[in-house]
Amino acid sequence: MKKGLSFEESWKVEIRRGLLQYAVLAIVRSHSDGIHGYGIARELDEKTDGLLEVKEGTLYPILHRLRNERLLNVRIERSESGPARKVYVLTGEGDRVYRELTVTLRNVFERLKEMMI
């Protein structure tokens, strides 16, 4: 009989999923001219010391979901040295959601820090 994820493992997956979406919004927001998927993945790895490192199979579904939620726009950037690539840009709604989530996360982390012994 196959055993599912433990409570701890499933909790980590859920926390990571939410934090990844927030981190993607933060990174795209910091690039007003837009950023491509590889750049987002690289910055996630660098800025979190590997804690939120992602593979394509994880990142692109997140980008797709954020586009469906109208938090990101995509434009195609042509390249003379290779294939065209998608460049992601934050929408006005994406900026609003990012700012709201930032306040929420700040409050949650402050309260959790008080609870840690």
N, C-alpha and C. Protein backbone atom coordinates (compact mmCIF):
# COMPACT_ATOMS: atom_id res chain seq x y z
N MET A 1 0.84 -1.18 0.00
CA MET A 1 0.00 0.00 0.00
C MET A 1 0.89 1.24 0.00
N LYS A 2 0.61 2.16 -0.91
CA LYS A 2 1.39 3.37 -1.04
C LYS A 2 1.00 4.36 0.05
N LYS A 3 2.01 4.89 0.70
CA LYS A 3 1.77 5.84 1.79
C LYS A 3 1.88 7.26 1.24
N GLY A 4 0.94 8.13 1.63
CA GLY A 4 0.96 9.52 1.19
C GLY A 4 2.00 10.31 1.96
N LEU A 5 2.02 11.61 1.68
CA LEU A 5 2.95 12.49 2.36
C LEU A 5 2.61 12.59 3.84
N SER A 6 3.63 12.72 4.65
CA SER A 6 3.40 12.94 6.07
C SER A 6 2.82 14.34 6.26
N PHE A 7 2.31 14.61 7.44
CA PHE A 7 1.79 15.93 7.74
C PHE A 7 2.85 16.98 7.48
N GLU A 8 4.05 16.74 7.99
CA GLU A 8 5.15 17.71 7.83
C GLU A 8 5.49 17.95 6.37
N GLU A 9 5.58 16.88 5.59
CA GLU A 9 5.92 17.01 4.17
C GLU A 9 4.84 17.77 3.41
N SER A 10 3.57 17.45 3.65
CA SER A 10 2.49 18.13 2.93
C SER A 10 2.40 19.59 3.35
N TRP A 11 2.66 19.89 4.62
CA TRP A 11 2.66 21.27 5.11
C TRP A 11 3.74 22.08 4.40
N LYS A 12 4.93 21.50 4.28
CA LYS A 12 6.03 22.19 3.59
C LYS A 12 5.69 22.45 2.13
N VAL A 13 5.04 21.51 1.48
CA VAL A 13 4.64 21.68 0.08
C VAL A 13 3.67 22.86 -0.05
N GLU A 14 2.67 22.92 0.81
CA GLU A 14 1.68 24.00 0.76
C GLU A 14 2.30 25.36 1.05
N ILE A 15 3.15 25.44 2.06
CA ILE A 15 3.81 26.70 2.39
C ILE A 15 4.68 27.15 1.22
N ARG A 16 5.44 26.24 0.68
CA ARG A 16 6.35 26.56 -0.43
C ARG A 16 5.57 27.05 -1.65
N ARG A 17 4.44 26.42 -1.94
CA ARG A 17 3.62 26.79 -3.10
C ARG A 17 3.18 28.26 -2.98
N GLY A 18 2.66 28.64 -1.83
CA GLY A 18 2.22 30.02 -1.64
C GLY A 18 3.37 31.01 -1.68
N LEU A 19 4.48 30.65 -1.04
CA LEU A 19 5.63 31.54 -1.03
C LEU A 19 6.24 31.70 -2.42
N LEU A 20 6.23 30.65 -3.20
CA LEU A 20 6.75 30.74 -4.57
C LEU A 20 5.93 31.71 -5.41
N GLN A 21 4.63 31.67 -5.28
CA GLN A 21 3.79 32.59 -6.04
C GLN A 21 4.08 34.03 -5.65
N TYR A 22 4.21 34.26 -4.35
CA TYR A 22 4.53 35.61 -3.88
C TYR A 22 5.91 36.04 -4.39
N ALA A 23 6.90 35.15 -4.28
CA ALA A 23 8.26 35.48 -4.70
C ALA A 23 8.33 35.77 -6.20
N VAL A 24 7.56 35.04 -7.00
CA VAL A 24 7.52 35.31 -8.44
C VAL A 24 6.97 36.71 -8.70
N LEU A 25 5.89 37.07 -8.01
CA LEU A 25 5.35 38.42 -8.16
C LEU A 25 6.40 39.46 -7.77
N ALA A 26 7.11 39.22 -6.68
CA ALA A 26 8.12 40.17 -6.20
C ALA A 26 9.24 40.35 -7.23
N ILE A 27 9.69 39.26 -7.81
CA ILE A 27 10.77 39.34 -8.78
C ILE A 27 10.31 40.05 -10.05
N VAL A 28 9.15 39.68 -10.56
CA VAL A 28 8.65 40.34 -11.77
C VAL A 28 8.45 41.83 -11.50
N ARG A 29 7.95 42.15 -10.32
CA ARG A 29 7.72 43.57 -9.97
C ARG A 29 9.03 44.36 -9.98
N SER A 30 10.12 43.72 -9.61
CA SER A 30 11.41 44.42 -9.55
C SER A 30 12.03 44.64 -10.93
N HIS A 31 11.39 44.12 -11.98
CA HIS A 31 11.87 44.27 -13.36
C HIS A 31 10.77 44.95 -14.18
N SER A 32 10.73 46.28 -14.12
CA SER A 32 9.65 47.01 -14.79
C SER A 32 9.63 46.79 -16.30
N ASP A 33 10.77 46.44 -16.89
CA ASP A 33 10.81 46.16 -18.33
C ASP A 33 10.46 44.71 -18.64
N GLY A 34 10.23 43.92 -17.60
CA GLY A 34 9.89 42.51 -17.77
C GLY A 34 11.08 41.60 -17.56
N ILE A 35 10.79 40.34 -17.37
CA ILE A 35 11.82 39.33 -17.14
C ILE A 35 11.31 38.00 -17.70
N HIS A 36 12.22 37.22 -18.25
CA HIS A 36 11.84 35.92 -18.81
C HIS A 36 11.90 34.84 -17.74
N GLY A 37 11.32 33.71 -18.02
CA GLY A 37 11.22 32.62 -17.05
C GLY A 37 12.55 32.19 -16.48
N TYR A 38 13.57 32.06 -17.34
CA TYR A 38 14.88 31.65 -16.85
C TYR A 38 15.43 32.66 -15.84
N GLY A 39 15.22 33.94 -16.10
CA GLY A 39 15.68 34.98 -15.18
C GLY A 39 14.97 34.90 -13.85
N ILE A 40 13.67 34.60 -13.89
CA ILE A 40 12.91 34.44 -12.65
C ILE A 40 13.46 33.27 -11.85
N ALA A 41 13.67 32.13 -12.51
CA ALA A 41 14.20 30.95 -11.83
C ALA A 41 15.56 31.22 -11.22
N ARG A 42 16.42 31.90 -11.97
CA ARG A 42 17.76 32.21 -11.47
C ARG A 42 17.69 33.12 -10.24
N GLU A 43 16.85 34.14 -10.29
CA GLU A 43 16.73 35.05 -9.14
C GLU A 43 16.11 34.37 -7.93
N LEU A 44 15.13 33.49 -8.14
CA LEU A 44 14.56 32.75 -7.02
C LEU A 44 15.64 31.97 -6.30
N ASP A 45 16.49 31.32 -7.07
CA ASP A 45 17.58 30.54 -6.49
C ASP A 45 18.58 31.44 -5.76
N GLU A 46 19.01 32.51 -6.43
CA GLU A 46 20.03 33.40 -5.85
C GLU A 46 19.53 34.14 -4.62
N LYS A 47 18.34 34.71 -4.71
CA LYS A 47 17.84 35.57 -3.63
C LYS A 47 17.38 34.79 -2.41
N THR A 48 17.16 33.49 -2.57
CA THR A 48 16.73 32.68 -1.42
C THR A 48 17.78 31.64 -1.05
N ASP A 49 19.00 31.81 -1.54
CA ASP A 49 20.08 30.85 -1.28
C ASP A 49 19.64 29.41 -1.56
N GLY A 50 18.87 29.23 -2.63
CA GLY A 50 18.45 27.91 -3.04
C GLY A 50 17.19 27.39 -2.36
N LEU A 51 16.70 28.10 -1.35
CA LEU A 51 15.52 27.64 -0.62
C LEU A 51 14.29 27.52 -1.52
N LEU A 52 14.15 28.46 -2.46
CA LEU A 52 13.02 28.42 -3.38
C LEU A 52 13.45 28.14 -4.82
N GLU A 53 14.48 27.35 -4.96
CA GLU A 53 14.92 26.95 -6.30
C GLU A 53 13.79 26.18 -6.98
N VAL A 54 13.57 26.48 -8.27
CA VAL A 54 12.49 25.82 -8.99
C VAL A 54 12.99 25.21 -10.29
N LYS A 55 12.28 24.20 -10.71
CA LYS A 55 12.51 23.60 -12.02
C LYS A 55 11.42 24.12 -12.96
N GLU A 56 11.63 23.98 -14.25
CA GLU A 56 10.66 24.46 -15.24
C GLU A 56 9.27 23.90 -14.97
N GLY A 57 9.21 22.63 -14.58
CA GLY A 57 7.92 21.98 -14.33
C GLY A 57 7.16 22.58 -13.17
N THR A 58 7.84 23.35 -12.34
CA THR A 58 7.20 24.04 -11.22
C THR A 58 6.92 25.49 -11.58
N LEU A 59 7.88 26.16 -12.19
CA LEU A 59 7.77 27.59 -12.45
C LEU A 59 6.70 27.93 -13.49
N TYR A 60 6.68 27.23 -14.61
CA TYR A 60 5.78 27.62 -15.69
C TYR A 60 4.30 27.44 -15.34
N PRO A 61 3.91 26.43 -14.58
CA PRO A 61 2.51 26.40 -14.12
C PRO A 61 2.16 27.58 -13.20
N ILE A 62 3.11 28.03 -12.39
CA ILE A 62 2.88 29.20 -11.54
C ILE A 62 2.70 30.44 -12.41
N LEU A 63 3.57 30.62 -13.39
CA LEU A 63 3.45 31.76 -14.30
C LEU A 63 2.11 31.72 -15.05
N HIS A 64 1.72 30.54 -15.47
CA HIS A 64 0.44 30.37 -16.18
C HIS A 64 -0.72 30.76 -15.26
N ARG A 65 -0.68 30.31 -14.02
CA ARG A 65 -1.76 30.64 -13.07
C ARG A 65 -1.82 32.14 -12.82
N LEU A 66 -0.66 32.77 -12.62
CA LEU A 66 -0.63 34.21 -12.38
C LEU A 66 -1.14 34.99 -13.60
N ARG A 67 -0.88 34.47 -14.79
CA ARG A 67 -1.44 35.09 -16.00
C ARG A 67 -2.95 34.93 -16.03
N ASN A 68 -3.44 33.74 -15.71
CA ASN A 68 -4.89 33.50 -15.70
C ASN A 68 -5.60 34.38 -14.68
N GLU A 69 -4.92 34.68 -13.59
CA GLU A 69 -5.48 35.56 -12.55
C GLU A 69 -5.33 37.04 -12.92
N ARG A 70 -4.73 37.30 -14.08
CA ARG A 70 -4.51 38.66 -14.60
C ARG A 70 -3.55 39.48 -13.72
N LEU A 71 -2.60 38.76 -13.11
CA LEU A 71 -1.58 39.43 -12.30
C LEU A 71 -0.31 39.67 -13.11
N LEU A 72 -0.15 38.92 -14.19
CA LEU A 72 1.00 39.07 -15.09
C LEU A 72 0.51 39.20 -16.52
N ASN A 73 1.24 39.99 -17.30
CA ASN A 73 1.08 40.02 -18.75
C ASN A 73 2.32 39.40 -19.36
N VAL A 74 2.18 38.97 -20.60
CA VAL A 74 3.31 38.36 -21.31
C VAL A 74 3.45 39.06 -22.66
N ARG A 75 4.69 39.32 -23.02
CA ARG A 75 4.95 39.79 -24.38
C ARG A 75 6.05 38.90 -24.96
N ILE A 76 6.05 38.80 -26.27
CA ILE A 76 7.06 37.98 -26.95
C ILE A 76 8.21 38.89 -27.33
N GLU A 77 9.41 38.48 -26.95
CA GLU A 77 10.63 39.24 -27.26
C GLU A 77 11.42 38.44 -28.29
N ARG A 78 11.63 39.04 -29.42
CA ARG A 78 12.39 38.37 -30.48
C ARG A 78 13.87 38.47 -30.18
N SER A 79 14.60 37.48 -30.62
CA SER A 79 16.04 37.45 -30.40
C SER A 79 16.74 37.14 -31.71
N GLU A 80 17.82 37.85 -31.99
CA GLU A 80 18.59 37.57 -33.20
C GLU A 80 19.45 36.32 -33.04
N SER A 81 19.76 35.97 -31.79
CA SER A 81 20.67 34.84 -31.55
C SER A 81 19.95 33.55 -31.19
N GLY A 82 18.63 33.56 -31.10
CA GLY A 82 17.92 32.35 -30.73
C GLY A 82 16.43 32.53 -30.90
N PRO A 83 15.68 31.60 -30.34
CA PRO A 83 14.23 31.67 -30.48
C PRO A 83 13.64 32.83 -29.67
N ALA A 84 12.44 33.25 -30.05
CA ALA A 84 11.73 34.29 -29.30
C ALA A 84 11.41 33.72 -27.91
N ARG A 85 11.28 34.62 -26.95
CA ARG A 85 10.96 34.15 -25.60
C ARG A 85 9.90 35.03 -24.97
N LYS A 86 9.21 34.45 -24.01
CA LYS A 86 8.17 35.18 -23.29
C LYS A 86 8.81 36.03 -22.20
N VAL A 87 8.34 37.26 -22.11
CA VAL A 87 8.80 38.18 -21.07
C VAL A 87 7.58 38.53 -20.23
N TYR A 88 7.72 38.37 -18.91
CA TYR A 88 6.61 38.57 -17.98
C TYR A 88 6.71 39.95 -17.35
N VAL A 89 5.54 40.62 -17.27
CA VAL A 89 5.44 41.96 -16.71
C VAL A 89 4.25 41.97 -15.75
N LEU A 90 4.41 42.64 -14.62
CA LEU A 90 3.33 42.75 -13.64
C LEU A 90 2.23 43.68 -14.15
N THR A 91 1.00 43.31 -13.95
CA THR A 91 -0.13 44.18 -14.30
C THR A 91 -0.40 45.12 -13.12
N GLY A 92 -1.28 46.08 -13.33
CA GLY A 92 -1.69 46.95 -12.23
C GLY A 92 -2.32 46.14 -11.11
N GLU A 93 -3.15 45.18 -11.46
CA GLU A 93 -3.77 44.30 -10.46
C GLU A 93 -2.71 43.45 -9.76
N GLY A 94 -1.72 43.00 -10.51
CA GLY A 94 -0.64 42.23 -9.92
C GLY A 94 0.14 43.05 -8.89
N ASP A 95 0.34 44.33 -9.19
CA ASP A 95 1.03 45.20 -8.24
C ASP A 95 0.19 45.40 -6.98
N ARG A 96 -1.11 45.59 -7.16
CA ARG A 96 -1.99 45.75 -6.00
C ARG A 96 -1.98 44.50 -5.13
N VAL A 97 -2.10 43.33 -5.75
CA VAL A 97 -2.10 42.07 -5.02
C VAL A 97 -0.76 41.87 -4.32
N TYR A 98 0.34 42.16 -5.01
CA TYR A 98 1.66 42.03 -4.39
C TYR A 98 1.75 42.89 -3.13
N ARG A 99 1.33 44.14 -3.21
CA ARG A 99 1.40 45.04 -2.05
C ARG A 99 0.53 44.54 -0.90
N GLU A 100 -0.66 44.05 -1.22
CA GLU A 100 -1.55 43.51 -0.19
C GLU A 100 -0.96 42.26 0.46
N LEU A 101 -0.41 41.38 -0.35
CA LEU A 101 0.22 40.17 0.19
C LEU A 101 1.44 40.50 1.04
N THR A 102 2.16 41.54 0.67
CA THR A 102 3.33 41.95 1.44
C THR A 102 2.92 42.37 2.85
N VAL A 103 1.86 43.13 2.96
CA VAL A 103 1.35 43.54 4.28
C VAL A 103 0.92 42.31 5.08
N THR A 104 0.19 41.43 4.43
CA THR A 104 -0.29 40.22 5.11
C THR A 104 0.88 39.36 5.59
N LEU A 105 1.85 39.11 4.71
CA LEU A 105 3.00 38.29 5.10
C LEU A 105 3.80 38.93 6.23
N ARG A 106 4.00 40.22 6.15
CA ARG A 106 4.74 40.92 7.21
C ARG A 106 4.04 40.70 8.56
N ASN A 107 2.72 40.87 8.58
CA ASN A 107 1.96 40.69 9.82
C ASN A 107 2.03 39.25 10.32
N VAL A 108 1.87 38.29 9.42
CA VAL A 108 1.91 36.89 9.80
C VAL A 108 3.29 36.53 10.36
N PHE A 109 4.35 36.94 9.66
CA PHE A 109 5.69 36.61 10.11
C PHE A 109 6.02 37.25 11.45
N GLU A 110 5.56 38.48 11.66
CA GLU A 110 5.79 39.14 12.96
C GLU A 110 5.11 38.36 14.09
N ARG A 111 3.87 37.93 13.85
CA ARG A 111 3.13 37.18 14.89
C ARG A 111 3.74 35.81 15.13
N LEU A 112 4.14 35.16 14.05
CA LEU A 112 4.76 33.84 14.20
C LEU A 112 6.08 33.93 14.94
N LYS A 113 6.84 34.96 14.66
CA LYS A 113 8.12 35.14 15.34
C LYS A 113 7.92 35.29 16.85
N GLU A 114 6.86 35.98 17.24
CA GLU A 114 6.54 36.14 18.67
C GLU A 114 6.20 34.81 19.31
N MET A 115 5.65 33.88 18.52
CA MET A 115 5.23 32.59 19.05
C MET A 115 6.37 31.58 19.15
N MET A 116 7.44 31.80 18.40
CA MET A 116 8.56 30.85 18.39
C MET A 116 9.35 30.94 19.69
N ILE A 117 9.67 29.80 20.23
CA ILE A 117 10.41 29.76 21.48
C ILE A 117 11.86 29.38 21.22
